[in-house]
Amino acid sequence: MSETNRRAFLDVVGDEDCAAILDAIREECKTIPELSDGCDIPLSTAYRKLTLLQEADLVEEKNRLPKDCRPKNVYELSFDAAVVTMSDDGGFEVEYVDSPPEQASYGQVRDTPLSLASGD
C-alpha cells in the first residue's frame, strides 16, 4: 500500500462522519439518501464523505435493481477488516485482510484503540 493510500485510510477512519458511514454499510449496501438519513448527516456531506471513502479504496459503488426496476447506486465496504500496525520508523502500516483477527472484538468502527477498548 502506498503512503498516499495509508494516509487516506487513516484520515477517513478518523473522521466521525466517514466512520458512521462505514459502520452503516458494514452489513448492508445503502444509497446516499439512506446513509444521509441513517447517519444523520446532510446529503451534501454524505456525497463528499463517500467520495473520500472511495478515493481511499474503502467503499465501492454498485448498481442495485430494486423491485420498481429503477436502478439505484448503493455503496458497500470493499474490505472485510483492516489491521493497522506501527512500523519501526514510527509510521503506520495498513493491511486489508479477508476476516478480522480472532482476538479482536469488532462491533463497529471505533475511535478508541483496541487495547483501551478491551480494558487491557
PDB file of N, CA and C in Angstrom:
ATOM      1  N   MET A   1       0.848  -1.171   0.000  1.00  0.00           N
ATOM      2  CA  MET A   1       0.000   0.000   0.000  1.00  0.00           C
ATOM      3  C   MET A   1       0.895   1.237   0.000  1.00  0.00           C
ATOM      4  N   SER A   2       0.573   2.187  -0.836  1.00  0.00           N
ATOM      5  CA  SER A   2       1.386   3.394  -0.945  1.00  0.00           C
ATOM      6  C   SER A   2       1.177   4.298   0.274  1.00  0.00           C
ATOM      7  N   GLU A   3       2.095   5.201   0.475  1.00  0.00           N
ATOM      8  CA  GLU A   3       1.994   6.157   1.583  1.00  0.00           C
ATOM      9  C   GLU A   3       0.727   7.002   1.445  1.00  0.00           C
ATOM     10  N   THR A   4       0.388   7.368   0.220  1.00  0.00           N
ATOM     11  CA  THR A   4      -0.821   8.158  -0.021  1.00  0.00           C
ATOM     12  C   THR A   4      -2.062   7.383   0.404  1.00  0.00           C
ATOM     13  N   ASN A   5      -2.133   6.087   0.065  1.00  0.00           N
ATOM     14  CA  ASN A   5      -3.282   5.263   0.452  1.00  0.00           C
ATOM     15  C   ASN A   5      -3.333   5.049   1.960  1.00  0.00           C
ATOM     16  N   ARG A   6      -2.157   4.866   2.590  1.00  0.00           N
ATOM     17  CA  ARG A   6      -2.135   4.711   4.051  1.00  0.00           C
ATOM     18  C   ARG A   6      -2.664   5.976   4.724  1.00  0.00           C
ATOM     19  N   ARG A   7      -2.205   7.124   4.248  1.00  0.00           N
ATOM     20  CA  ARG A   7      -2.631   8.395   4.833  1.00  0.00           C
ATOM     21  C   ARG A   7      -4.137   8.602   4.609  1.00  0.00           C
ATOM     22  N   ALA A   8      -4.618   8.285   3.408  1.00  0.00           N
ATOM     23  CA  ALA A   8      -6.052   8.428   3.114  1.00  0.00           C
ATOM     24  C   ALA A   8      -6.866   7.542   4.038  1.00  0.00           C
ATOM     25  N   PHE A   9      -6.419   6.308   4.260  1.00  0.00           N
ATOM     26  CA  PHE A   9      -7.114   5.389   5.164  1.00  0.00           C
ATOM     27  C   PHE A   9      -7.195   5.981   6.564  1.00  0.00           C
ATOM     28  N   LEU A  10      -6.056   6.422   7.087  1.00  0.00           N
ATOM     29  CA  LEU A  10      -6.031   6.951   8.447  1.00  0.00           C
ATOM     30  C   LEU A  10      -6.868   8.223   8.571  1.00  0.00           C
ATOM     31  N   ASP A  11      -6.866   9.052   7.536  1.00  0.00           N
ATOM     32  CA  ASP A  11      -7.666  10.278   7.569  1.00  0.00           C
ATOM     33  C   ASP A  11      -9.156   9.979   7.617  1.00  0.00           C
ATOM     34  N   VAL A  12      -9.621   9.072   6.768  1.00  0.00           N
ATOM     35  CA  VAL A  12     -11.063   8.837   6.711  1.00  0.00           C
ATOM     36  C   VAL A  12     -11.578   8.043   7.899  1.00  0.00           C
ATOM     37  N   VAL A  13     -10.832   7.077   8.410  1.00  0.00           N
ATOM     38  CA  VAL A  13     -11.358   6.327   9.557  1.00  0.00           C
ATOM     39  C   VAL A  13     -11.326   7.169  10.823  1.00  0.00           C
ATOM     40  N   GLY A  14     -10.546   8.240  10.826  1.00  0.00           N
ATOM     41  CA  GLY A  14     -10.532   9.155  11.959  1.00  0.00           C
ATOM     42  C   GLY A  14     -11.610  10.217  11.873  1.00  0.00           C
ATOM     43  N   ASP A  15     -12.324  10.260  10.773  1.00  0.00           N
ATOM     44  CA  ASP A  15     -13.386  11.242  10.559  1.00  0.00           C
ATOM     45  C   ASP A  15     -14.707  10.662  11.065  1.00  0.00           C
ATOM     46  N   GLU A  16     -15.403  11.395  11.908  1.00  0.00           N
ATOM     47  CA  GLU A  16     -16.628  10.894  12.536  1.00  0.00           C
ATOM     48  C   GLU A  16     -17.708  10.513  11.517  1.00  0.00           C
ATOM     49  N   ASP A  17     -17.913  11.356  10.513  1.00  0.00           N
ATOM     50  CA  ASP A  17     -18.938  11.061   9.510  1.00  0.00           C
ATOM     51  C   ASP A  17     -18.553   9.848   8.657  1.00  0.00           C
ATOM     52  N   CYS A  18     -17.280   9.762   8.275  1.00  0.00           N
ATOM     53  CA  CYS A  18     -16.817   8.608   7.488  1.00  0.00           C
ATOM     54  C   CYS A  18     -16.962   7.318   8.292  1.00  0.00           C
ATOM     55  N   ALA A  19     -16.611   7.385   9.574  1.00  0.00           N
ATOM     56  CA  ALA A  19     -16.744   6.202  10.430  1.00  0.00           C
ATOM     57  C   ALA A  19     -18.204   5.782  10.546  1.00  0.00           C
ATOM     58  N   ALA A  20     -19.111   6.753  10.637  1.00  0.00           N
ATOM     59  CA  ALA A  20     -20.540   6.434  10.720  1.00  0.00           C
ATOM     60  C   ALA A  20     -21.012   5.763   9.436  1.00  0.00           C
ATOM     61  N   ILE A  21     -20.536   6.243   8.293  1.00  0.00           N
ATOM     62  CA  ILE A  21     -20.905   5.639   7.011  1.00  0.00           C
ATOM     63  C   ILE A  21     -20.365   4.222   6.909  1.00  0.00           C
ATOM     64  N   LEU A  22     -19.104   4.028   7.281  1.00  0.00           N
ATOM     65  CA  LEU A  22     -18.525   2.675   7.243  1.00  0.00           C
ATOM     66  C   LEU A  22     -19.316   1.719   8.125  1.00  0.00           C
ATOM     67  N   ASP A  23     -19.702   2.185   9.296  1.00  0.00           N
ATOM     68  CA  ASP A  23     -20.478   1.345  10.202  1.00  0.00           C
ATOM     69  C   ASP A  23     -21.853   1.035   9.615  1.00  0.00           C
ATOM     70  N   ALA A  24     -22.453   2.027   8.957  1.00  0.00           N
ATOM     71  CA  ALA A  24     -23.798   1.850   8.398  1.00  0.00           C
ATOM     72  C   ALA A  24     -23.832   0.845   7.247  1.00  0.00           C
ATOM     73  N   ILE A  25     -22.753   0.746   6.489  1.00  0.00           N
ATOM     74  CA  ILE A  25     -22.745  -0.176   5.340  1.00  0.00           C
ATOM     75  C   ILE A  25     -21.990  -1.464   5.638  1.00  0.00           C
ATOM     76  N   ARG A  26     -21.654  -1.650   6.892  1.00  0.00           N
ATOM     77  CA  ARG A  26     -20.899  -2.854   7.281  1.00  0.00           C
ATOM     78  C   ARG A  26     -21.650  -4.130   6.928  1.00  0.00           C
ATOM     79  N   GLU A  27     -22.960  -4.144   7.106  1.00  0.00           N
ATOM     80  CA  GLU A  27     -23.720  -5.368   6.863  1.00  0.00           C
ATOM     81  C   GLU A  27     -24.673  -5.291   5.687  1.00  0.00           C
ATOM     82  N   GLU A  28     -24.950  -4.082   5.201  1.00  0.00           N
ATOM     83  CA  GLU A  28     -25.924  -3.944   4.118  1.00  0.00           C
ATOM     84  C   GLU A  28     -25.580  -2.740   3.252  1.00  0.00           C
ATOM     85  N   CYS A  29     -25.652  -2.912   1.939  1.00  0.00           N
ATOM     86  CA  CYS A  29     -25.452  -1.812   0.992  1.00  0.00           C
ATOM     87  C   CYS A  29     -26.537  -0.765   1.207  1.00  0.00           C
ATOM     88  N   LYS A  30     -26.157   0.501   1.030  1.00  0.00           N
ATOM     89  CA  LYS A  30     -27.129   1.576   1.195  1.00  0.00           C
ATOM     90  C   LYS A  30     -26.904   2.651   0.131  1.00  0.00           C
ATOM     91  N   THR A  31     -27.982   3.382  -0.181  1.00  0.00           N
ATOM     92  CA  THR A  31     -27.908   4.520  -1.090  1.00  0.00           C
ATOM     93  C   THR A  31     -27.440   5.746  -0.312  1.00  0.00           C
ATOM     94  N   ILE A  32     -27.081   6.791  -1.036  1.00  0.00           N
ATOM     95  CA  ILE A  32     -26.661   8.022  -0.363  1.00  0.00           C
ATOM     96  C   ILE A  32     -27.795   8.616   0.479  1.00  0.00           C
ATOM     97  N   PRO A  33     -29.023   8.704  -0.020  1.00  0.00           N
ATOM     98  CA  PRO A  33     -30.089   9.221   0.856  1.00  0.00           C
ATOM     99  C   PRO A  33     -30.298   8.360   2.117  1.00  0.00           C
ATOM    100  N   GLU A  34     -30.183   7.043   1.986  1.00  0.00           N
ATOM    101  CA  GLU A  34     -30.308   6.169   3.164  1.00  0.00           C
ATOM    102  C   GLU A  34     -29.187   6.446   4.160  1.00  0.00           C
ATOM    103  N   LEU A  35     -27.973   6.667   3.647  1.00  0.00           N
ATOM    104  CA  LEU A  35     -26.838   6.962   4.525  1.00  0.00           C
ATOM    105  C   LEU A  35     -27.001   8.326   5.190  1.00  0.00           C
ATOM    106  N   SER A  36     -27.475   9.296   4.422  1.00  0.00           N
ATOM    107  CA  SER A  36     -27.701  10.629   4.971  1.00  0.00           C
ATOM    108  C   SER A  36     -28.701  10.564   6.128  1.00  0.00           C
ATOM    109  N   ASP A  37     -29.807   9.876   5.915  1.00  0.00           N
ATOM    110  CA  ASP A  37     -30.824   9.744   6.965  1.00  0.00           C
ATOM    111  C   ASP A  37     -30.319   8.922   8.141  1.00  0.00           C
ATOM    112  N   GLY A  38     -29.753   7.760   7.846  1.00  0.00           N
ATOM    113  CA  GLY A  38     -29.325   6.849   8.901  1.00  0.00           C
ATOM    114  C   GLY A  38     -28.166   7.367   9.735  1.00  0.00           C
ATOM    115  N   CYS A  39     -27.275   8.136   9.123  1.00  0.00           N
ATOM    116  CA  CYS A  39     -26.107   8.667   9.840  1.00  0.00           C
ATOM    117  C   CYS A  39     -26.349  10.085  10.365  1.00  0.00           C
ATOM    118  N   ASP A  40     -27.538  10.623  10.060  1.00  0.00           N
ATOM    119  CA  ASP A  40     -27.907  11.965  10.496  1.00  0.00           C
ATOM    120  C   ASP A  40     -26.886  13.012  10.042  1.00  0.00           C
ATOM    121  N   ILE A  41     -26.552  12.947   8.743  1.00  0.00           N
ATOM    122  CA  ILE A  41     -25.652  13.931   8.148  1.00  0.00           C
ATOM    123  C   ILE A  41     -26.334  14.511   6.908  1.00  0.00           C
ATOM    124  N   PRO A  42     -26.021  15.764   6.570  1.00  0.00           N
ATOM    125  CA  PRO A  42     -26.633  16.353   5.374  1.00  0.00           C
ATOM    126  C   PRO A  42     -26.281  15.555   4.122  1.00  0.00           C
ATOM    127  N   LEU A  43     -27.171  15.596   3.156  1.00  0.00           N
ATOM    128  CA  LEU A  43     -26.974  14.877   1.901  1.00  0.00           C
ATOM    129  C   LEU A  43     -25.669  15.295   1.222  1.00  0.00           C
ATOM    130  N   SER A  44     -25.374  16.586   1.209  1.00  0.00           N
ATOM    131  CA  SER A  44     -24.140  17.068   0.571  1.00  0.00           C
ATOM    132  C   SER A  44     -22.901  16.511   1.276  1.00  0.00           C
ATOM    133  N   THR A  45     -22.963  16.383   2.600  1.00  0.00           N
ATOM    134  CA  THR A  45     -21.845  15.811   3.364  1.00  0.00           C
ATOM    135  C   THR A  45     -21.697  14.338   3.045  1.00  0.00           C
ATOM    136  N   ALA A  46     -22.814  13.625   2.916  1.00  0.00           N
ATOM    137  CA  ALA A  46     -22.760  12.196   2.583  1.00  0.00           C
ATOM    138  C   ALA A  46     -22.079  11.992   1.234  1.00  0.00           C
ATOM    139  N   TYR A  47     -22.418  12.804   0.246  1.00  0.00           N
ATOM    140  CA  TYR A  47     -21.762  12.712  -1.065  1.00  0.00           C
ATOM    141  C   TYR A  47     -20.264  12.952  -0.937  1.00  0.00           C
ATOM    142  N   ARG A  48     -19.892  14.006  -0.218  1.00  0.00           N
ATOM    143  CA  ARG A  48     -18.476  14.360  -0.071  1.00  0.00           C
ATOM    144  C   ARG A  48     -17.696  13.267   0.674  1.00  0.00           C
ATOM    145  N   LYS A  49     -18.269  12.744   1.745  1.00  0.00           N
ATOM    146  CA  LYS A  49     -17.580  11.721   2.532  1.00  0.00           C
ATOM    147  C   LYS A  49     -17.467  10.409   1.753  1.00  0.00           C
ATOM    148  N   LEU A  50     -18.495  10.071   0.974  1.00  0.00           N
ATOM    149  CA  LEU A  50     -18.414   8.861   0.152  1.00  0.00           C
ATOM    150  C   LEU A  50     -17.327   8.984  -0.911  1.00  0.00           C
ATOM    151  N   THR A  51     -17.147  10.167  -1.446  1.00  0.00           N
ATOM    152  CA  THR A  51     -16.056  10.391  -2.400  1.00  0.00           C
ATOM    153  C   THR A  51     -14.713  10.136  -1.727  1.00  0.00           C
ATOM    154  N   LEU A  52     -14.533  10.645  -0.515  1.00  0.00           N
ATOM    155  CA  LEU A  52     -13.289  10.406   0.229  1.00  0.00           C
ATOM    156  C   LEU A  52     -13.084   8.916   0.502  1.00  0.00           C
ATOM    157  N   LEU A  53     -14.159   8.234   0.888  1.00  0.00           N
ATOM    158  CA  LEU A  53     -14.068   6.797   1.171  1.00  0.00           C
ATOM    159  C   LEU A  53     -13.747   5.998  -0.092  1.00  0.00           C
ATOM    160  N   GLN A  54     -14.284   6.413  -1.229  1.00  0.00           N
ATOM    161  CA  GLN A  54     -13.964   5.735  -2.486  1.00  0.00           C
ATOM    162  C   GLN A  54     -12.509   5.996  -2.876  1.00  0.00           C
ATOM    163  N   GLU A  55     -12.034   7.214  -2.702  1.00  0.00           N
ATOM    164  CA  GLU A  55     -10.649   7.542  -3.022  1.00  0.00           C
ATOM    165  C   GLU A  55      -9.675   6.762  -2.148  1.00  0.00           C
ATOM    166  N   ALA A  56     -10.085   6.436  -0.930  1.00  0.00           N
ATOM    167  CA  ALA A  56      -9.250   5.642  -0.024  1.00  0.00           C
ATOM    168  C   ALA A  56      -9.425   4.142  -0.261  1.00  0.00           C
ATOM    169  N   ASP A  57     -10.229   3.768  -1.265  1.00  0.00           N
ATOM    170  CA  ASP A  57     -10.498   2.365  -1.614  1.00  0.00           C
ATOM    171  C   ASP A  57     -11.156   1.576  -0.489  1.00  0.00           C
ATOM    172  N   LEU A  58     -11.994   2.245   0.291  1.00  0.00           N
ATOM    173  CA  LEU A  58     -12.694   1.572   1.385  1.00  0.00           C
ATOM    174  C   LEU A  58     -14.135   1.242   1.038  1.00  0.00           C
ATOM    175  N   VAL A  59     -14.673   1.918   0.031  1.00  0.00           N
ATOM    176  CA  VAL A  59     -16.072   1.762  -0.347  1.00  0.00           C
ATOM    177  C   VAL A  59     -16.162   1.607  -1.857  1.00  0.00           C
ATOM    178  N   GLU A  60     -17.071   0.726  -2.277  1.00  0.00           N
ATOM    179  CA  GLU A  60     -17.329   0.530  -3.703  1.00  0.00           C
ATOM    180  C   GLU A  60     -18.761   0.909  -4.020  1.00  0.00           C
ATOM    181  N   GLU A  61     -18.945   1.475  -5.190  1.00  0.00           N
ATOM    182  CA  GLU A  61     -20.279   1.822  -5.664  1.00  0.00           C
ATOM    183  C   GLU A  61     -20.786   0.679  -6.528  1.00  0.00           C
ATOM    184  N   LYS A  62     -21.983   0.232  -6.250  1.00  0.00           N
ATOM    185  CA  LYS A  62     -22.614  -0.855  -7.003  1.00  0.00           C
ATOM    186  C   LYS A  62     -23.959  -0.361  -7.520  1.00  0.00           C
ATOM    187  N   ASN A  63     -24.486  -1.057  -8.499  1.00  0.00           N
ATOM    188  CA  ASN A  63     -25.787  -0.712  -9.040  1.00  0.00           C
ATOM    189  C   ASN A  63     -26.781  -1.764  -8.587  1.00  0.00           C
ATOM    190  N   ARG A  64     -27.838  -1.341  -7.938  1.00  0.00           N
ATOM    191  CA  ARG A  64     -28.862  -2.255  -7.425  1.00  0.00           C
ATOM    192  C   ARG A  64     -30.132  -2.048  -8.245  1.00  0.00           C
ATOM    193  N   LEU A  65     -30.758  -3.134  -8.621  1.00  0.00           N
ATOM    194  CA  LEU A  65     -32.009  -3.071  -9.380  1.00  0.00           C
ATOM    195  C   LEU A  65     -33.143  -3.496  -8.456  1.00  0.00           C
ATOM    196  N   PRO A  66     -33.807  -2.519  -7.814  1.00  0.00           N
ATOM    197  CA  PRO A  66     -34.906  -2.860  -6.904  1.00  0.00           C
ATOM    198  C   PRO A  66     -36.161  -3.304  -7.648  1.00  0.00           C
ATOM    199  N   LYS A  67     -37.189  -3.638  -6.905  1.00  0.00           N
ATOM    200  CA  LYS A  67     -38.428  -4.162  -7.480  1.00  0.00           C
ATOM    201  C   LYS A  67     -39.072  -3.206  -8.476  1.00  0.00           C
ATOM    202  N   ASP A  68     -38.925  -1.904  -8.253  1.00  0.00           N
ATOM    203  CA  ASP A  68     -39.552  -0.958  -9.174  1.00  0.00           C
ATOM    204  C   ASP A  68     -38.754  -0.787 -10.469  1.00  0.00           C
ATOM    205  N   CYS A  69     -37.669  -1.536 -10.616  1.00  0.00           N
ATOM    206  CA  CYS A  69     -36.843  -1.580 -11.833  1.00  0.00           C
ATOM    207  C   CYS A  69     -36.139  -0.265 -12.149  1.00  0.00           C
ATOM    208  N   ARG A  70     -36.018   0.611 -11.204  1.00  0.00           N
ATOM    209  CA  ARG A  70     -35.239   1.830 -11.397  1.00  0.00           C
ATOM    210  C   ARG A  70     -33.905   1.628 -10.705  1.00  0.00           C
ATOM    211  N   PRO A  71     -32.818   1.507 -11.458  1.00  0.00           N
ATOM    212  CA  PRO A  71     -31.512   1.254 -10.848  1.00  0.00           C
ATOM    213  C   PRO A  71     -31.130   2.341  -9.838  1.00  0.00           C
ATOM    214  N   LYS A  72     -30.508   1.914  -8.768  1.00  0.00           N
ATOM    215  CA  LYS A  72     -30.023   2.826  -7.737  1.00  0.00           C
ATOM    216  C   LYS A  72     -28.586   2.465  -7.412  1.00  0.00           C
ATOM    217  N   ASN A  73     -27.764   3.477  -7.236  1.00  0.00           N
ATOM    218  CA  ASN A  73     -26.395   3.232  -6.808  1.00  0.00           C
ATOM    219  C   ASN A  73     -26.392   3.013  -5.304  1.00  0.00           C
ATOM    220  N   VAL A  74     -25.738   1.953  -4.894  1.00  0.00           N
ATOM    221  CA  VAL A  74     -25.580   1.652  -3.478  1.00  0.00           C
ATOM    222  C   VAL A  74     -24.093   1.545  -3.185  1.00  0.00           C
ATOM    223  N   TYR A  75     -23.770   1.639  -1.924  1.00  0.00           N
ATOM    224  CA  TYR A  75     -22.368   1.621  -1.502  1.00  0.00           C
ATOM    225  C   TYR A  75     -22.158   0.484  -0.513  1.00  0.00           C
ATOM    226  N   GLU A  76     -21.012  -0.186  -0.678  1.00  0.00           N
ATOM    227  CA  GLU A  76     -20.665  -1.295   0.210  1.00  0.00           C
ATOM    228  C   GLU A  76     -19.188  -1.223   0.540  1.00  0.00           C
ATOM    229  N   LEU A  77     -18.816  -1.879   1.626  1.00  0.00           N
ATOM    230  CA  LEU A  77     -17.404  -1.930   2.007  1.00  0.00           C
ATOM    231  C   LEU A  77     -16.619  -2.711   0.968  1.00  0.00           C
ATOM    232  N   SER A  78     -15.408  -2.295   0.717  1.00  0.00           N
ATOM    233  CA  SER A  78     -14.555  -3.019  -0.233  1.00  0.00           C
ATOM    234  C   SER A  78     -13.511  -3.861   0.502  1.00  0.00           C
ATOM    235  N   PHE A  79     -13.688  -4.046   1.808  1.00  0.00           N
ATOM    236  CA  PHE A  79     -12.759  -4.839   2.604  1.00  0.00           C
ATOM    237  C   PHE A  79     -13.523  -5.468   3.755  1.00  0.00           C
ATOM    238  N   ASP A  80     -12.962  -6.541   4.313  1.00  0.00           N
ATOM    239  CA  ASP A  80     -13.585  -7.181   5.471  1.00  0.00           C
ATOM    240  C   ASP A  80     -13.037  -6.614   6.779  1.00  0.00           C
ATOM    241  N   ALA A  81     -11.735  -6.400   6.801  1.00  0.00           N
ATOM    242  CA  ALA A  81     -11.088  -5.886   8.012  1.00  0.00           C
ATOM    243  C   ALA A  81      -9.775  -5.233   7.618  1.00  0.00           C
ATOM    244  N   ALA A  82      -9.317  -4.360   8.467  1.00  0.00           N
ATOM    245  CA  ALA A  82      -8.029  -3.707   8.258  1.00  0.00           C
ATOM    246  C   ALA A  82      -7.243  -3.808   9.557  1.00  0.00           C
ATOM    247  N   VAL A  83      -5.966  -4.124   9.417  1.00  0.00           N
ATOM    248  CA  VAL A  83      -5.079  -4.208  10.568  1.00  0.00           C
ATOM    249  C   VAL A  83      -4.066  -3.070  10.435  1.00  0.00           C
ATOM    250  N   VAL A  84      -4.018  -2.215  11.439  1.00  0.00           N
ATOM    251  CA  VAL A  84      -3.099  -1.085  11.438  1.00  0.00           C
ATOM    252  C   VAL A  84      -2.031  -1.359  12.487  1.00  0.00           C
ATOM    253  N   THR A  85      -0.771  -1.306  12.062  1.00  0.00           N
ATOM    254  CA  THR A  85       0.345  -1.517  12.982  1.00  0.00           C
ATOM    255  C   THR A  85       1.327  -0.368  12.834  1.00  0.00           C
ATOM    256  N   MET A  86       2.066  -0.100  13.884  1.00  0.00           N
ATOM    257  CA  MET A  86       3.088   0.933  13.833  1.00  0.00           C
ATOM    258  C   MET A  86       4.378   0.289  13.343  1.00  0.00           C
ATOM    259  N   SER A  87       5.001   0.923  12.371  1.00  0.00           N
ATOM    260  CA  SER A  87       6.248   0.383  11.825  1.00  0.00           C
ATOM    261  C   SER A  87       7.434   0.862  12.652  1.00  0.00           C
ATOM    262  N   ASP A  88       8.589   0.279  12.388  1.00  0.00           N
ATOM    263  CA  ASP A  88       9.800   0.621  13.134  1.00  0.00           C
ATOM    264  C   ASP A  88      10.202   2.084  12.974  1.00  0.00           C
ATOM    265  N   ASP A  89       9.858   2.689  11.840  1.00  0.00           N
ATOM    266  CA  ASP A  89      10.240   4.082  11.604  1.00  0.00           C
ATOM    267  C   ASP A  89       9.226   5.077  12.176  1.00  0.00           C
ATOM    268  N   GLY A  90       8.236   4.602  12.923  1.00  0.00           N
ATOM    269  CA  GLY A  90       7.256   5.476  13.551  1.00  0.00           C
ATOM    270  C   GLY A  90       6.028   5.733  12.702  1.00  0.00           C
ATOM    271  N   GLY A  91       6.009   5.227  11.478  1.00  0.00           N
ATOM    272  CA  GLY A  91       4.842   5.371  10.617  1.00  0.00           C
ATOM    273  C   GLY A  91       3.851   4.253  10.885  1.00  0.00           C
ATOM    274  N   PHE A  92       2.847   4.173  10.053  1.00  0.00           N
ATOM    275  CA  PHE A  92       1.830   3.146  10.204  1.00  0.00           C
ATOM    276  C   PHE A  92       1.759   2.299   8.951  1.00  0.00           C
ATOM    277  N   GLU A  93       1.477   1.038   9.148  1.00  0.00           N
ATOM    278  CA  GLU A  93       1.226   0.110   8.047  1.00  0.00           C
ATOM    279  C   GLU A  93      -0.234  -0.308   8.131  1.00  0.00           C
ATOM    280  N   VAL A  94      -0.898  -0.362   6.993  1.00  0.00           N
ATOM    281  CA  VAL A  94      -2.285  -0.779   6.930  1.00  0.00           C
ATOM    282  C   VAL A  94      -2.371  -1.982   6.017  1.00  0.00           C
ATOM    283  N   GLU A  95      -2.984  -3.046   6.533  1.00  0.00           N
ATOM    284  CA  GLU A  95      -3.140  -4.269   5.739  1.00  0.00           C
ATOM    285  C   GLU A  95      -4.610  -4.658   5.746  1.00  0.00           C
ATOM    286  N   TYR A  96      -5.154  -4.858   4.557  1.00  0.00           N
ATOM    287  CA  TYR A  96      -6.527  -5.327   4.442  1.00  0.00           C
ATOM    288  C   TYR A  96      -6.506  -6.844   4.483  1.00  0.00           C
ATOM    289  N   VAL A  97      -7.396  -7.426   5.284  1.00  0.00           N
ATOM    290  CA  VAL A  97      -7.449  -8.877   5.434  1.00  0.00           C
ATOM    291  C   VAL A  97      -8.863  -9.365   5.147  1.00  0.00           C
ATOM    292  N   ASP A  98      -8.978 -10.655   4.812  1.00  0.00           N
ATOM    293  CA  ASP A  98     -10.277 -11.223   4.471  1.00  0.00           C
ATOM    294  C   ASP A  98     -11.219 -11.341   5.656  1.00  0.00           C
ATOM    295  N   SER A  99     -10.671 -11.530   6.836  1.00  0.00           N
ATOM    296  CA  SER A  99     -11.521 -11.608   8.017  1.00  0.00           C
ATOM    297  C   SER A  99     -10.745 -11.022   9.195  1.00  0.00           C
ATOM    298  N   PRO A 100     -11.452 -10.476  10.169  1.00  0.00           N
ATOM    299  CA  PRO A 100     -10.781  -9.865  11.307  1.00  0.00           C
ATOM    300  C   PRO A 100     -10.014 -10.894  12.123  1.00  0.00           C
ATOM    301  N   PRO A 101      -8.903 -10.488  12.752  1.00  0.00           N
ATOM    302  CA  PRO A 101      -8.196 -11.406  13.648  1.00  0.00           C
ATOM    303  C   PRO A 101      -9.138 -11.887  14.743  1.00  0.00           C
ATOM    304  N   GLU A 102      -8.977 -13.131  15.148  1.00  0.00           N
ATOM    305  CA  GLU A 102      -9.901 -13.728  16.124  1.00  0.00           C
ATOM    306  C   GLU A 102      -9.884 -13.022  17.468  1.00  0.00           C
ATOM    307  N   GLN A 103      -8.744 -12.484  17.881  1.00  0.00           N
ATOM    308  CA  GLN A 103      -8.683 -11.871  19.197  1.00  0.00           C
ATOM    309  C   GLN A 103      -9.324 -10.493  19.238  1.00  0.00           C
ATOM    310  N   ALA A 104      -9.588  -9.900  18.098  1.00  0.00           N
ATOM    311  CA  ALA A 104     -10.172  -8.565  18.072  1.00  0.00           C
ATOM    312  C   ALA A 104     -11.681  -8.636  18.264  1.00  0.00           C
ATOM    313  N   SER A 105     -12.221  -7.598  18.824  1.00  0.00           N
ATOM    314  CA  SER A 105     -13.659  -7.513  19.021  1.00  0.00           C
ATOM    315  C   SER A 105     -14.183  -6.366  18.185  1.00  0.00           C
ATOM    316  N   TYR A 106     -14.815  -6.690  17.062  1.00  0.00           N
ATOM    317  CA  TYR A 106     -15.308  -5.668  16.152  1.00  0.00           C
ATOM    318  C   TYR A 106     -16.821  -5.608  16.232  1.00  0.00           C
ATOM    319  N   GLY A 107     -17.354  -4.505  16.682  1.00  0.00           N
ATOM    320  CA  GLY A 107     -18.779  -4.294  16.666  1.00  0.00           C
ATOM    321  C   GLY A 107     -19.109  -3.149  15.739  1.00  0.00           C
ATOM    322  N   GLN A 108     -18.261  -2.154  15.752  1.00  0.00           N
ATOM    323  CA  GLN A 108     -18.415  -1.017  14.866  1.00  0.00           C
ATOM    324  C   GLN A 108     -17.068  -0.335  14.740  1.00  0.00           C
ATOM    325  N   VAL A 109     -16.978   0.589  13.824  1.00  0.00           N
ATOM    326  CA  VAL A 109     -15.735   1.328  13.661  1.00  0.00           C
ATOM    327  C   VAL A 109     -15.506   2.107  14.941  1.00  0.00           C
ATOM    328  N   ARG A 110     -14.321   2.001  15.501  1.00  0.00           N
ATOM    329  CA  ARG A 110     -14.033   2.635  16.783  1.00  0.00           C
ATOM    330  C   ARG A 110     -12.988   3.712  16.629  1.00  0.00           C
ATOM    331  N   ASP A 111     -13.067   4.710  17.507  1.00  0.00           N
ATOM    332  CA  ASP A 111     -12.011   5.698  17.541  1.00  0.00           C
ATOM    333  C   ASP A 111     -11.138   5.495  18.776  1.00  0.00           C
ATOM    334  N   THR A 112     -11.397   4.424  19.511  1.00  0.00           N
ATOM    335  CA  THR A 112     -10.607   4.075  20.683  1.00  0.00           C
ATOM    336  C   THR A 112      -9.697   2.908  20.311  1.00  0.00           C
ATOM    337  N   PRO A 113      -8.394   2.994  20.631  1.00  0.00           N
ATOM    338  CA  PRO A 113      -7.508   1.869  20.328  1.00  0.00           C
ATOM    339  C   PRO A 113      -8.043   0.589  20.952  1.00  0.00           C
ATOM    340  N   LEU A 114      -7.884  -0.521  20.246  1.00  0.00           N
ATOM    341  CA  LEU A 114      -8.410  -1.800  20.699  1.00  0.00           C
ATOM    342  C   LEU A 114      -7.901  -2.153  22.088  1.00  0.00           C
ATOM    343  N   SER A 115      -6.632  -1.823  22.385  1.00  0.00           N
ATOM    344  CA  SER A 115      -6.084  -2.157  23.694  1.00  0.00           C
ATOM    345  C   SER A 115      -6.821  -1.399  24.805  1.00  0.00           C
ATOM    346  N   LEU A 116      -7.294  -0.171  24.515  1.00  0.00           N
ATOM    347  CA  LEU A 116      -8.061   0.573  25.508  1.00  0.00           C
ATOM    348  C   LEU A 116      -9.502   0.118  25.566  1.00  0.00           C
ATOM    349  N   ALA A 117     -10.061  -0.227  24.395  1.00  0.00           N
ATOM    350  CA  ALA A 117     -11.454  -0.633  24.333  1.00  0.00           C
ATOM    351  C   ALA A 117     -11.687  -1.966  25.020  1.00  0.00           C
ATOM    352  N   SER A 118     -10.679  -2.844  25.032  1.00  0.00           N
ATOM    353  CA  SER A 118     -10.863  -4.166  25.614  1.00  0.00           C
ATOM    354  C   SER A 118     -10.564  -4.189  27.112  1.00  0.00           C
ATOM    355  N   GLY A 119     -10.098  -3.033  27.668  1.00  0.00           N
ATOM    356  CA  GLY A 119      -9.872  -2.960  29.093  1.00  0.00           C
ATOM    357  C   GLY A 119      -8.501  -3.416  29.510  1.00  0.00           C
ATOM    358  N   ASP A 120      -7.587  -3.638  28.560  1.00  0.00           N
ATOM    359  CA  ASP A 120      -6.216  -4.061  28.904  1.00  0.00           C
ATOM    360  C   ASP A 120      -5.416  -2.922  29.481  1.00  0.00           C
TER     361      ASP A 120
END
